[in-house]
Amino acid sequence: MHVSSKNIEKAYELLNIARKSGFKHSGIFLINDKRVMVEIVGNEKIETIVSKNRKLLVSKEYFYNLVKEANEKFKNVRKRIDIFYKNTFILLYNNINYRNNHLLFHYLFLKIHINSNCM
């Protein structure tokens, strides 16, 4: 996931949230005069060859176990993404004057909630 920030201070805040949410391999990878880009990366991956020339090279049982393992990893990533959204929401909430920005606060909450449910 890539998140653009307006300055290096906000980028570090996002990076800290990402790492606290379990994305330990995240970092800042682009800095220019317009933005700072934060890359949020997990460590889950599965690399294996299962087919070649449209022929399955592994047993069906192994393939199904591989899919099951991949789905479990996806669930774990999804949980961390939800934690990241919630932690980002807390950061936004703490930086918004709630009484003066009531509608903005609710807009951000709905946007974060909807995005986390659509993945």
Protein backbone atom coordinates (compact mmCIF):
# COMPACT_ATOMS: atom_id res chain seq x y z
CA MET A 1 0.00 0.00 0.00
CA HIS A 2 1.31 3.48 -0.82
CA VAL A 3 0.30 6.55 1.16
CA SER A 4 1.23 10.07 0.11
CA SER A 5 2.03 12.63 2.77
CA LYS A 6 2.50 16.38 2.47
CA ASN A 7 5.71 16.50 4.52
CA ILE A 8 8.34 14.33 6.15
CA GLU A 9 6.91 14.78 9.67
CA LYS A 10 3.49 13.41 8.66
CA ALA A 11 5.20 10.64 6.70
CA TYR A 12 7.05 9.56 9.85
CA GLU A 13 3.75 9.55 11.76
CA LEU A 14 2.23 7.25 9.13
CA LEU A 15 5.34 5.08 9.13
CA ASN A 16 5.15 4.69 12.90
CA ILE A 17 1.46 3.75 12.67
CA ALA A 18 2.24 1.20 9.96
CA ARG A 19 4.98 -0.41 12.03
CA LYS A 20 2.85 -0.43 15.19
CA SER A 21 0.10 -2.10 13.11
CA GLY A 22 2.43 -4.95 12.20
CA PHE A 23 3.87 -3.77 8.87
CA LYS A 24 7.52 -4.01 9.95
CA HIS A 25 9.06 -3.72 6.47
CA SER A 26 7.48 -0.36 5.68
CA GLY A 27 9.48 2.70 4.79
CA ILE A 28 9.66 6.10 3.14
CA PHE A 29 10.72 5.71 -0.47
CA LEU A 30 10.01 8.97 -2.31
CA ILE A 31 10.68 12.50 -1.20
CA ASN A 32 10.26 15.46 -3.53
CA ASP A 33 9.03 19.05 -3.27
CA LYS A 34 5.36 18.02 -3.59
CA ARG A 35 5.03 14.93 -1.41
CA VAL A 36 6.57 12.17 0.61
CA MET A 37 5.52 8.61 -0.19
CA VAL A 38 5.25 5.92 2.46
CA GLU A 39 5.27 2.30 1.36
CA ILE A 40 3.43 -0.02 3.76
CA VAL A 41 4.59 -3.59 3.35
CA GLY A 42 3.87 -6.81 5.18
CA ASN A 43 6.13 -9.84 5.25
CA GLU A 44 3.69 -12.53 4.10
CA LYS A 45 4.45 -14.22 0.85
CA ILE A 46 4.41 -17.62 -0.72
CA GLU A 47 6.68 -18.36 -3.65
CA THR A 48 6.46 -21.71 -5.36
CA ILE A 49 5.97 -23.22 -8.78
CA VAL A 50 2.70 -25.12 -9.06
CA SER A 51 2.29 -25.39 -12.83
CA LYS A 52 4.23 -25.15 -16.06
CA ASN A 53 2.88 -25.12 -19.59
CA ARG A 54 -0.64 -25.49 -18.19
CA LYS A 55 0.30 -28.69 -16.36
CA LEU A 56 -0.05 -28.99 -12.59
CA LEU A 57 3.33 -29.96 -11.11
CA VAL A 58 2.11 -30.65 -7.58
CA SER A 59 -0.56 -32.90 -6.13
CA LYS A 60 -4.07 -31.57 -5.76
CA GLU A 61 -3.76 -32.06 -2.00
CA TYR A 62 -0.63 -29.89 -1.90
CA PHE A 63 -2.30 -27.28 -4.10
CA TYR A 64 -5.37 -27.10 -1.84
CA ASN A 65 -3.14 -26.79 1.24
CA LEU A 66 -1.24 -24.01 -0.49
CA VAL A 67 -4.48 -22.14 -1.20
CA LYS A 68 -5.59 -22.67 2.40
CA GLU A 69 -2.28 -21.26 3.68
CA ALA A 70 -2.51 -18.29 1.30
CA ASN A 71 -6.04 -17.53 2.53
CA GLU A 72 -4.84 -17.61 6.16
CA LYS A 73 -2.04 -15.19 5.32
CA PHE A 74 -4.56 -12.94 3.58
CA LYS A 75 -6.78 -12.94 6.69
CA ASN A 76 -3.81 -11.93 8.84
CA VAL A 77 -2.90 -9.10 6.46
CA ARG A 78 -6.52 -7.99 6.45
CA LYS A 79 -6.52 -7.78 10.26
CA ARG A 80 -3.39 -5.64 10.19
CA ILE A 81 -4.90 -3.38 7.53
CA ASP A 82 -7.93 -2.89 9.77
CA ILE A 83 -5.62 -2.06 12.69
CA PHE A 84 -3.74 0.38 10.44
CA TYR A 85 -7.00 2.11 9.44
CA LYS A 86 -8.11 2.39 13.07
CA ASN A 87 -4.74 3.76 14.18
CA THR A 88 -4.75 6.23 11.28
CA PHE A 89 -8.26 7.27 12.26
CA ILE A 90 -7.07 7.95 15.83
CA LEU A 91 -4.24 10.10 14.45
CA LEU A 92 -6.69 12.05 12.28
CA TYR A 93 -9.10 12.44 15.19
CA ASN A 94 -6.35 13.80 17.43
CA ASN A 95 -5.37 16.33 14.75
CA ILE A 96 -8.90 17.61 14.10
CA ASN A 97 -10.70 20.17 16.21
CA TYR A 98 -13.85 18.05 16.60
CA ARG A 99 -16.32 20.85 17.34
CA ASN A 100 -15.27 22.93 14.34
CA ASN A 101 -14.91 20.02 11.92
CA HIS A 102 -17.77 17.72 12.88
CA LEU A 103 -18.76 16.90 9.28
CA LEU A 104 -15.16 16.34 8.19
CA PHE A 105 -14.64 13.98 11.13
CA HIS A 106 -17.67 11.87 10.16
CA TYR A 107 -16.66 11.90 6.50
CA LEU A 108 -13.21 10.56 7.38
CA PHE A 109 -14.70 7.92 9.67
CA LEU A 110 -17.09 6.69 6.97
CA LYS A 111 -14.37 6.70 4.31
CA ILE A 112 -12.01 4.66 6.47
CA HIS A 113 -14.79 2.29 7.56
CA ILE A 114 -16.03 1.72 4.00
CA ASN A 115 -12.51 1.21 2.61
CA SER A 116 -11.61 -1.32 5.30
CA ASN A 117 -14.79 -3.31 4.57
CA CYS A 118 -14.29 -3.34 0.79
CA MET A 119 -10.97 -5.16 0.74
